């Protein structure tokens, strides 16, 4: 069966699409299990792959840090000044 015929069959018959998706899920679970087993037994490549795939770890890329500080309208005035003195500076 060609790729196009298979896609048409999946589109035409919901039960075919459901079976296909179940098969993909089973394959996914088996692959993750195999990879996890390899990582747990000391396979460095498997550990690196899991870090990258599951935790967005990227080598050589700068970290994207997004910090938002909302001081809530609090004005910090030095102890040796009044608010008016601070605002006049």
Protein backbone atom coordinates (compact mmCIF):
# COMPACT_ATOMS: atom_id res chain seq x y z
CA UNK A 1 0.00 0.00 0.00
CA UNK A 2 1.39 3.39 -0.94
CA UNK A 3 1.75 6.20 1.57
CA UNK A 4 -1.02 8.17 -0.15
CA UNK A 5 -3.38 5.19 -0.12
CA UNK A 6 -2.68 4.59 3.57
CA UNK A 7 -3.33 8.26 4.41
CA UNK A 8 -6.59 8.14 2.45
CA UNK A 9 -7.61 4.95 4.27
CA UNK A 10 -6.88 6.58 7.64
CA UNK A 11 -8.91 9.65 6.66
CA UNK A 12 -11.81 7.56 5.36
CA UNK A 13 -11.99 5.00 8.17
CA UNK A 14 -11.78 6.28 11.76
CA UNK A 15 -11.11 2.78 13.07
CA UNK A 16 -7.94 2.56 10.95
CA UNK A 17 -6.75 5.91 12.31
CA UNK A 18 -7.52 4.79 15.89
CA UNK A 19 -5.60 1.53 15.41
CA UNK A 20 -2.68 3.44 13.89
CA UNK A 21 -2.57 5.87 16.82
CA UNK A 22 -2.71 3.00 19.33
CA UNK A 23 0.20 1.36 17.53
CA UNK A 24 2.20 4.59 17.64
CA UNK A 25 1.49 4.86 21.36
CA UNK A 26 2.66 1.31 21.97
CA UNK A 27 5.82 1.92 19.96
CA UNK A 28 6.45 5.19 21.84
CA UNK A 29 6.12 3.49 25.22
CA UNK A 30 8.48 0.68 24.20
CA UNK A 31 11.10 3.09 22.86
CA UNK A 32 10.96 5.28 25.97
CA UNK A 33 11.26 2.19 28.16
CA UNK A 34 14.29 0.93 26.21
CA UNK A 35 15.93 4.34 26.33
CA UNK A 36 15.25 4.74 30.06
CA UNK A 37 16.73 1.28 30.70
CA UNK A 38 19.84 2.18 28.70
CA UNK A 39 20.20 5.47 30.58
CA UNK A 40 19.73 3.78 33.95
CA UNK A 41 22.46 1.26 33.16
CA UNK A 42 25.01 3.99 32.45
CA UNK A 43 24.60 4.70 28.75
CA UNK A 44 25.86 8.28 28.56
CA UNK A 45 24.39 8.92 25.11
CA UNK A 46 20.95 7.84 26.31
CA UNK A 47 21.25 10.15 29.31
CA UNK A 48 22.24 13.10 27.12
CA UNK A 49 19.39 12.37 24.72
CA UNK A 50 16.86 12.26 27.55
CA UNK A 51 18.16 15.57 28.92
CA UNK A 52 17.77 17.20 25.52
CA UNK A 53 14.46 15.61 24.58
CA UNK A 54 12.62 15.87 27.88
CA UNK A 55 14.20 18.88 29.55
CA UNK A 56 15.07 21.17 26.60
CA UNK A 57 18.79 21.03 27.40
CA UNK A 58 20.88 22.53 24.60
CA UNK A 59 24.66 22.55 24.40
CA UNK A 60 26.32 25.82 23.48
CA UNK A 61 23.13 27.85 23.44
CA UNK A 62 22.66 30.71 25.86
CA UNK A 63 20.06 30.09 28.51
CA UNK A 64 16.81 31.90 27.98
CA UNK A 65 15.95 33.57 31.23
CA UNK A 66 12.80 35.61 31.59
CA UNK A 67 12.63 37.56 34.83
CA UNK A 68 9.79 39.88 35.65
CA UNK A 69 9.92 41.95 38.82
CA UNK A 70 6.88 43.84 39.96
CA UNK A 71 7.75 45.95 42.98
CA UNK A 72 4.12 46.89 43.43
CA UNK A 73 4.80 50.62 43.44
CA UNK A 74 7.12 50.53 46.44
CA UNK A 75 9.66 53.34 46.56
CA UNK A 76 12.81 52.62 48.53
CA UNK A 77 14.27 55.81 49.95
CA UNK A 78 17.71 55.92 51.59
CA UNK A 79 17.49 56.13 55.38
CA UNK A 80 19.22 59.51 55.52
CA UNK A 81 16.65 61.22 53.21
CA UNK A 82 13.02 62.13 53.28
CA UNK A 83 10.79 61.14 50.39
CA UNK A 84 10.68 64.78 49.26
CA UNK A 85 14.50 65.04 49.28
CA UNK A 86 14.79 61.84 47.30
CA UNK A 87 12.24 62.99 44.70
CA UNK A 88 14.03 66.36 44.25
CA UNK A 89 17.37 64.79 43.33
